[in-house]
Amino acid sequence: MIFREEINRKYIGTALFDDKNSIVITVILNTAKGGMNNMFNSKKLLSIFSKNIKKNEMLAWKEFYSLGTIIQLRAYGNKSEIAISEAMKRVNDIDDKMSAFKDYSELSKINRSAGKCYEKVSYDTYFVIDKAVEYSRMSHGTFDPTIRPIVNLWNIGKENFKIPDKSEIVNNLNLVDYKDICLDEKDVSIKLKKENQKLDVGGIAKGYAADEVRRVFEKYRIKSALIDLGGNILAVGNKADGSNWNIGIQNPLKERGEFVGVLSISNKSVVTSGNYERYSIKDGKRFHHIIDSRTGYPSEGEVISTTIISDYSIDGDGLSTGVYIMGVKDGMELIESINGVEAIFITEDKKVCTTSGIKDKFNITNTEFSYGK
């Protein structure tokens, strides 16, 4: 049996291209060997990113682990070091509040009180869960933050992966329903209706954290920065030389580091969900981690990757999984109805479908792929 996790395997979802030097700077790094200290040649990174920086401006760079993934923050500006230090604290604060794996987190308290009582929470946690309910409603439940009981049954990408019995899935599907999330705005408190229900905001908290990092950067007047939370990319402004950031979109059918095309952006978030991110293989069959909340099984359909381009990273996080499960037709229709949000769908027959507002900013570079209808 083969299993794959995001952190202990090579994980490169998107990449930043430096056009002038014809090199690719991976924004998620190879951690399979040597751990955090052996992950990256930081001097090379700094030399690359230091080019074209204005006089008296400095580049600060920080890499750390939080929110269950590797995070990289890079910022240009006179106060970039203090901005990154404060941003790191902010990310860790969000992780402490919303982790499903920390007993003291606000999320864990909500889960322990499921079917019993409301739990008072911070504004951060309330806002994220409220947004999660909104995205669940928009996607007709294909994104659902109460999916945790089903996820725990499968343990996809982990050593204890197993294929659950059908009866187990049916029983636990009764616990999956975003409509069972009770929100008390006046008291800033949250409750799950049924005992044994569990929330997991891992599919949206990274987006919120990225937006909060940008807010910190704006406080310190950082005009150019790259925020990378485990493959959730948020580009602040333009590159130091004034040009757009060029983001490579992973080829979901190949090893990481191979791309379908390049997306040119400025001051945008790019979030991708794909069936290559985490998976297990048993008896020759591959099981990916994107669970369809309607069936309790890994999603089956034409789509193998969705990329959401938006002003706010929380939107990309909340929508990417839902539209992946919805498929091209319904997913495109939903995204086209939302102002300021665009999408790129990649299908198993190597077709690329984009929403109307992004096609001129995405260039297919892999000749195996072509635009679909």
Protein backbone atom coordinates (compact mmCIF):
# COMPACT_ATOMS: atom_id res chain seq x y z
CA MET A 1 0.00 0.00 0.00
CA ILE A 2 1.30 3.44 -0.95
CA PHE A 3 0.41 6.59 0.89
CA ARG A 4 1.29 10.18 0.24
CA GLU A 5 1.19 13.15 2.56
CA GLU A 6 1.72 16.79 1.73
CA ILE A 7 4.61 17.36 4.10
CA ASN A 8 6.77 14.24 3.95
CA ARG A 9 6.79 13.93 0.19
CA LYS A 10 7.90 16.24 -2.60
CA TYR A 11 5.21 18.87 -2.78
CA ILE A 12 5.32 21.49 -5.50
CA GLY A 13 1.88 22.77 -6.43
CA THR A 14 2.64 26.05 -8.16
CA ALA A 15 5.84 27.83 -8.98
CA LEU A 16 7.05 31.36 -9.38
CA PHE A 17 8.86 32.00 -12.66
CA ASP A 18 11.69 34.51 -12.94
CA ASP A 19 11.50 35.40 -16.64
CA LYS A 20 14.82 37.20 -16.99
CA ASN A 21 16.88 34.38 -15.56
CA SER A 22 14.86 31.55 -17.14
CA ILE A 23 14.60 29.69 -13.85
CA VAL A 24 11.80 28.33 -11.76
CA ILE A 25 11.59 29.13 -8.08
CA THR A 26 9.42 26.53 -6.39
CA VAL A 27 7.08 27.96 -3.82
CA ILE A 28 6.49 24.65 -2.09
CA LEU A 29 9.65 22.80 -1.33
CA ASN A 30 11.01 19.27 -1.29
CA THR A 31 10.94 18.12 2.33
CA ALA A 32 11.49 14.45 1.69
CA LYS A 33 15.12 14.65 2.71
CA GLY A 34 16.91 16.66 5.32
CA GLY A 35 13.92 18.34 6.94
CA MET A 36 13.39 22.08 7.21
CA ASN A 37 17.07 23.01 7.47
CA ASN A 38 18.04 21.26 4.25
CA MET A 39 15.07 22.36 2.19
CA PHE A 40 16.32 25.33 0.26
CA ASN A 41 19.38 27.30 -0.71
CA SER A 42 18.32 30.53 0.96
CA LYS A 43 21.30 32.50 -0.35
CA LYS A 44 20.30 31.65 -3.91
CA LEU A 45 16.72 32.62 -3.17
CA LEU A 46 17.76 35.93 -1.69
CA SER A 47 20.04 36.73 -4.61
CA ILE A 48 17.23 36.01 -7.05
CA PHE A 49 14.64 38.05 -5.22
CA SER A 50 17.05 40.89 -4.43
CA LYS A 51 17.40 41.83 -8.09
CA ASN A 52 15.65 45.04 -9.10
CA ILE A 53 14.92 46.07 -5.51
CA LYS A 54 14.86 49.82 -5.15
CA LYS A 55 17.67 51.47 -3.24
CA ASN A 56 17.13 51.56 0.54
CA GLU A 57 14.44 48.87 0.28
CA MET A 58 15.16 45.46 1.72
CA LEU A 59 13.93 41.95 1.18
CA ALA A 60 12.89 39.89 4.19
CA TRP A 61 12.15 36.19 3.91
CA LYS A 62 10.78 33.77 6.48
CA GLU A 63 9.95 30.08 6.30
CA PHE A 64 8.12 28.27 9.08
CA TYR A 65 5.59 25.52 9.80
CA SER A 66 2.02 26.35 10.77
CA LEU A 67 -1.55 25.47 9.77
CA GLY A 68 -0.34 21.96 8.95
CA THR A 69 1.95 23.08 6.15
CA ILE A 70 5.14 24.91 5.23
CA ILE A 71 4.71 28.66 4.95
CA GLN A 72 6.95 31.10 3.13
CA LEU A 73 6.64 34.87 3.41
CA ARG A 74 8.69 37.24 1.28
CA ALA A 75 8.36 41.01 1.38
CA TYR A 76 10.11 44.08 0.00
CA GLY A 77 10.16 47.32 1.97
CA ASN A 78 11.91 49.37 4.61
CA LYS A 79 9.96 47.62 7.36
CA SER A 80 9.80 44.19 5.76
CA GLU A 81 11.52 42.36 8.63
CA ILE A 82 9.18 43.64 11.33
CA ALA A 83 6.20 43.09 9.01
CA ILE A 84 7.11 39.45 8.46
CA SER A 85 7.72 38.91 12.18
CA GLU A 86 4.26 40.25 13.01
CA ALA A 87 2.69 38.27 10.16
CA MET A 88 4.23 35.05 11.47
CA LYS A 89 2.69 35.67 14.90
CA ARG A 90 -0.66 36.33 13.27
CA VAL A 91 -0.58 33.05 11.33
CA ASN A 92 0.33 31.08 14.46
CA ASP A 93 -2.48 32.78 16.36
CA ILE A 94 -4.98 31.66 13.71
CA ASP A 95 -3.58 28.13 13.85
CA ASP A 96 -3.97 28.04 17.63
CA LYS A 97 -7.62 29.03 17.31
CA MET A 98 -8.67 26.86 14.36
CA SER A 99 -6.55 23.71 14.38
CA ALA A 100 -8.51 20.47 14.47
CA PHE A 101 -5.47 18.80 16.04
CA LYS A 102 -4.88 21.04 19.08
CA ASP A 103 -7.04 20.17 22.07
CA TYR A 104 -7.06 23.76 23.31
CA SER A 105 -8.18 25.31 20.01
CA GLU A 106 -11.57 26.97 19.73
CA LEU A 107 -12.45 24.54 16.95
CA SER A 108 -11.72 21.54 19.19
CA LYS A 109 -13.92 23.02 21.90
CA ILE A 110 -16.79 23.34 19.43
CA ASN A 111 -16.30 19.72 18.36
CA ARG A 112 -16.26 18.44 21.94
CA SER A 113 -19.50 20.30 22.66
CA ALA A 114 -21.29 18.97 19.57
CA GLY A 115 -24.94 18.23 20.31
CA LYS A 116 -24.67 19.91 23.71
CA CYS A 117 -24.02 23.62 23.93
CA TYR A 118 -22.71 26.73 22.22
CA GLU A 119 -19.05 27.69 22.58
CA LYS A 120 -17.93 31.31 22.62
CA VAL A 121 -15.21 31.95 20.08
CA SER A 122 -13.01 34.76 18.80
CA TYR A 123 -13.98 36.99 15.90
CA ASP A 124 -11.45 35.12 13.74
CA THR A 125 -13.03 31.72 14.27
CA TYR A 126 -16.58 33.02 13.97
CA PHE A 127 -15.79 34.84 10.72
CA VAL A 128 -14.11 31.81 9.12
CA ILE A 129 -16.88 29.37 10.06
CA ASP A 130 -19.54 31.84 8.94
CA LYS A 131 -17.76 32.14 5.58
CA ALA A 132 -17.47 28.34 5.38
CA VAL A 133 -21.25 28.09 5.74
CA GLU A 134 -21.64 30.71 3.01
CA TYR A 135 -19.43 28.75 0.59
CA SER A 136 -21.26 25.54 1.49
CA ARG A 137 -24.54 27.18 0.59
CA MET A 138 -23.14 28.57 -2.67
CA SER A 139 -21.76 25.18 -3.72
CA HIS A 140 -24.91 23.30 -2.64
CA GLY A 141 -22.89 21.40 -0.04
CA THR A 142 -20.05 20.15 -2.24
CA PHE A 143 -17.85 22.15 0.11
CA ASP A 144 -18.84 21.24 3.66
CA PRO A 145 -16.79 21.96 6.81
CA THR A 146 -18.57 19.14 8.69
CA ILE A 147 -16.93 16.50 6.46
CA ARG A 148 -14.39 15.56 9.16
CA PRO A 149 -16.07 12.29 10.31
CA ILE A 150 -15.82 10.92 6.75
CA VAL A 151 -12.23 12.15 6.35
CA ASN A 152 -11.31 10.36 9.57
CA LEU A 153 -12.79 7.11 8.24
CA TRP A 154 -10.53 7.12 5.20
CA ASN A 155 -7.28 8.67 6.49
CA ILE A 156 -6.18 9.17 2.90
CA GLY A 157 -2.50 9.97 2.55
CA LYS A 158 -1.64 8.44 5.92
CA GLU A 159 -0.14 5.16 7.07
CA ASN A 160 -3.41 4.06 8.66
CA PHE A 161 -5.38 4.52 5.41
CA LYS A 162 -8.22 2.05 4.94
CA ILE A 163 -11.23 1.66 2.69
CA PRO A 164 -14.25 2.03 5.00
CA ASP A 165 -17.18 -0.34 4.97
CA LYS A 166 -20.21 1.01 3.16
CA SER A 167 -22.20 0.90 6.41
CA GLU A 168 -19.59 3.09 8.12
CA ILE A 169 -19.85 5.67 5.37
CA VAL A 170 -23.66 5.68 5.44
CA ASN A 171 -23.72 6.11 9.23
CA ASN A 172 -21.18 8.93 9.20
CA LEU A 173 -22.82 10.75 6.30
CA ASN A 174 -25.64 11.48 8.74
CA LEU A 175 -23.15 13.71 10.56
CA VAL A 176 -22.22 15.71 7.46
CA ASP A 177 -24.47 18.71 6.96
CA TYR A 178 -23.35 22.33 7.06
CA LYS A 179 -26.93 23.29 7.94
CA ASP A 180 -26.29 21.79 11.39
CA ILE A 181 -23.83 24.60 12.17
CA CYS A 182 -25.60 27.02 14.50
CA LEU A 183 -24.22 30.57 14.57
CA ASP A 184 -25.10 33.08 17.29
CA GLU A 185 -23.79 36.38 15.96
CA LYS A 186 -24.85 38.41 18.99
CA ASP A 187 -23.01 36.15 21.44
CA VAL A 188 -20.22 35.28 18.96
CA SER A 189 -20.72 31.59 19.66
CA ILE A 190 -21.11 28.40 17.64
CA LYS A 191 -22.74 25.01 18.13
CA LEU A 192 -23.04 21.78 16.17
CA LYS A 193 -26.53 20.28 16.37
CA LYS A 194 -25.63 16.60 16.54
CA GLU A 195 -23.38 14.72 18.90
CA ASN A 196 -20.19 13.40 17.22
CA GLN A 197 -20.31 16.01 14.47
CA LYS A 198 -16.94 17.62 13.80
CA LEU A 199 -15.85 20.80 12.10
CA ASP A 200 -12.68 21.10 10.06
CA VAL A 201 -11.81 24.47 8.55
CA GLY A 202 -8.51 23.33 7.06
CA GLY A 203 -10.07 23.93 3.64
CA ILE A 204 -10.53 27.63 4.31
CA ALA A 205 -8.34 28.78 7.24
CA LYS A 206 -5.20 29.07 5.12
CA GLY A 207 -6.98 31.50 2.83
CA TYR A 208 -8.06 33.62 5.77
CA ALA A 209 -4.52 33.56 7.17
CA ALA A 210 -3.09 34.69 3.83
CA ASP A 211 -5.49 37.62 3.75
CA GLU A 212 -4.50 38.53 7.31
CA VAL A 213 -0.80 38.43 6.38
CA ARG A 214 -1.54 40.87 3.56
CA ARG A 215 -3.35 43.11 6.04
CA VAL A 216 -0.23 43.15 8.24
CA PHE A 217 1.93 43.95 5.21
CA GLU A 218 -0.36 46.83 4.27
CA LYS A 219 0.01 48.20 7.80
CA TYR A 220 3.76 48.45 7.19
CA ARG A 221 3.29 49.79 3.65
CA ILE A 222 4.72 46.73 1.95
CA LYS A 223 4.06 47.25 -1.76
CA SER A 224 5.52 44.00 -3.12
CA ALA A 225 5.34 40.59 -1.44
CA LEU A 226 4.65 36.93 -2.05
CA ILE A 227 2.62 35.03 0.54
CA ASP A 228 2.70 31.24 0.21
CA LEU A 229 0.70 29.12 2.63
CA GLY A 230 1.20 25.54 1.55
CA GLY A 231 0.49 26.29 -2.11
CA ASN A 232 -2.08 29.01 -1.48
CA ILE A 233 -0.39 31.91 -3.24
CA LEU A 234 -1.25 35.54 -2.56
CA ALA A 235 0.74 38.08 -4.55
CA VAL A 236 0.85 41.58 -3.08
CA GLY A 237 1.28 44.19 -5.79
CA ASN A 238 3.78 43.44 -8.54
CA LYS A 239 7.29 42.01 -8.51
CA ALA A 240 10.07 44.36 -7.41
CA ASP A 241 10.78 45.36 -11.02
CA GLY A 242 7.14 46.32 -11.56
CA SER A 243 6.19 43.33 -13.71
CA ASN A 244 3.46 40.80 -12.98
CA TRP A 245 4.02 37.66 -10.96
CA ASN A 246 4.05 34.55 -13.18
CA ILE A 247 2.56 31.48 -11.52
CA GLY A 248 2.96 28.01 -13.00
CA ILE A 249 -0.13 25.77 -12.77
CA GLN A 250 0.80 22.18 -11.96
CA ASN A 251 0.17 19.40 -14.48
CA PRO A 252 -2.00 17.06 -12.36
CA LEU A 253 -1.07 14.07 -14.53
CA LYS A 254 2.69 14.37 -13.99
CA GLU A 255 5.27 14.66 -11.24
CA ARG A 256 5.36 17.93 -9.40
CA GLY A 257 7.31 20.64 -11.13
CA GLU A 258 5.71 20.00 -14.54
CA PHE A 259 3.20 22.61 -15.60
CA VAL A 260 0.20 23.02 -17.86
CA GLY A 261 0.68 26.75 -18.27
CA VAL A 262 1.59 30.06 -16.71
CA LEU A 263 -0.75 32.58 -15.11
CA SER A 264 0.25 36.27 -15.05
CA ILE A 265 -1.17 38.12 -12.05
CA SER A 266 -0.85 41.22 -9.91
CA ASN A 267 -2.32 41.63 -6.43
CA LYS A 268 -4.32 38.40 -6.66
CA SER A 269 -4.72 35.10 -4.85
CA VAL A 270 -4.19 31.77 -6.62
CA VAL A 271 -5.49 28.60 -4.95
CA THR A 272 -5.48 25.15 -6.58
CA SER A 273 -7.24 21.93 -5.57
CA GLY A 274 -6.20 18.75 -7.35
CA ASN A 275 -6.43 14.99 -7.07
CA TYR A 276 -2.61 14.77 -7.02
CA GLU A 277 -2.18 16.63 -3.74
CA ARG A 278 -2.69 13.75 -1.34
CA TYR A 279 -3.63 10.17 -2.08
CA SER A 280 -3.29 6.50 -1.16
CA ILE A 281 -3.00 3.45 -3.42
CA LYS A 282 -4.34 0.04 -2.47
CA ASP A 283 -4.60 -3.05 -4.68
CA GLY A 284 -3.61 -0.90 -7.65
CA LYS A 285 -6.41 1.62 -7.16
CA ARG A 286 -5.71 5.26 -6.39
CA PHE A 287 -7.80 7.12 -3.81
CA HIS A 288 -7.39 10.92 -3.68
CA HIS A 289 -8.25 13.12 -0.73
CA ILE A 290 -11.08 15.25 -2.14
CA ILE A 291 -14.16 13.64 -0.61
CA ASP A 292 -17.58 14.23 -2.14
CA SER A 293 -19.75 15.12 0.84
CA ARG A 294 -22.80 13.76 -0.97
CA THR A 295 -21.43 10.22 -1.31
CA GLY A 296 -18.69 9.89 1.31
CA TYR A 297 -16.26 8.66 -1.35
CA PRO A 298 -13.42 10.40 -3.22
CA SER A 299 -14.91 12.61 -5.90
CA GLU A 300 -15.28 11.01 -9.32
CA GLY A 301 -15.66 13.21 -12.36
CA GLU A 302 -13.99 14.85 -15.31
CA VAL A 303 -12.13 17.50 -13.31
CA ILE A 304 -8.67 16.71 -11.95
CA SER A 305 -7.63 20.24 -10.97
CA THR A 306 -9.28 23.57 -10.25
CA THR A 307 -7.53 26.89 -9.73
CA ILE A 308 -9.37 29.87 -8.30
CA ILE A 309 -8.06 33.39 -8.92
CA SER A 310 -9.56 35.99 -6.60
CA ASP A 311 -8.94 39.22 -4.72
CA TYR A 312 -9.20 37.43 -1.38
CA SER A 313 -7.53 34.12 -0.67
CA ILE A 314 -10.35 32.96 1.60
CA ASP A 315 -12.61 32.98 -1.47
CA GLY A 316 -10.18 30.78 -3.39
CA ASP A 317 -9.90 28.36 -0.49
CA GLY A 318 -13.64 28.16 0.03
CA LEU A 319 -14.51 27.72 -3.63
CA SER A 320 -11.74 25.54 -5.09
CA THR A 321 -12.86 22.27 -3.49
CA GLY A 322 -16.55 22.88 -4.05
CA VAL A 323 -16.28 23.62 -7.77
CA TYR A 324 -13.85 20.71 -8.22
CA ILE A 325 -16.63 18.37 -7.10
CA MET A 326 -19.33 20.27 -9.01
CA GLY A 327 -17.55 19.77 -12.33
CA VAL A 328 -16.85 22.11 -15.24
CA LYS A 329 -20.39 23.06 -16.27
CA ASP A 330 -21.85 23.79 -12.83
CA GLY A 331 -18.55 25.04 -11.43
CA MET A 332 -18.04 27.52 -14.28
CA GLU A 333 -21.59 28.75 -13.91
CA LEU A 334 -21.07 29.41 -10.20
CA ILE A 335 -17.74 31.20 -10.64
CA GLU A 336 -19.04 33.35 -13.50
CA SER A 337 -21.79 34.57 -11.15
CA ILE A 338 -19.31 35.86 -8.55
CA ASN A 339 -17.68 39.27 -9.08
CA GLY A 340 -13.89 39.34 -8.81
CA VAL A 341 -13.43 35.57 -8.99
CA GLU A 342 -12.09 33.54 -11.93
CA ALA A 343 -11.27 29.85 -12.42
CA ILE A 344 -9.17 27.43 -14.44
CA PHE A 345 -10.44 23.84 -14.76
CA ILE A 346 -8.24 21.00 -16.00
CA THR A 347 -9.96 17.77 -17.05
CA GLU A 348 -8.73 14.21 -17.36
CA ASP A 349 -8.85 14.42 -21.16
CA LYS A 350 -6.26 17.26 -21.01
CA LYS A 351 -8.64 20.10 -21.69
CA VAL A 352 -8.30 23.49 -20.03
CA CYS A 353 -11.46 25.50 -19.39
CA THR A 354 -11.29 29.06 -18.06
CA THR A 355 -13.84 31.63 -17.01
CA SER A 356 -14.21 34.67 -19.24
CA GLY A 357 -12.12 37.10 -17.21
CA ILE A 358 -8.88 35.10 -16.98
CA LYS A 359 -8.25 33.50 -20.37
CA ASP A 360 -6.05 36.36 -21.62
CA LYS A 361 -3.88 36.08 -18.50
CA PHE A 362 -3.26 32.33 -18.76
CA ASN A 363 -0.93 30.83 -21.34
CA ILE A 364 -0.86 27.08 -22.00
CA THR A 365 2.80 26.06 -22.29
CA ASN A 366 2.33 22.28 -22.41
CA THR A 367 1.47 21.07 -25.92
CA GLU A 368 -0.36 18.03 -24.52
CA PHE A 369 -3.12 20.35 -23.31
CA SER A 370 -5.57 22.51 -25.24
CA TYR A 371 -8.53 24.74 -24.47
CA GLY A 372 -11.89 23.06 -24.07
CA LYS A 373 -15.28 24.49 -24.85
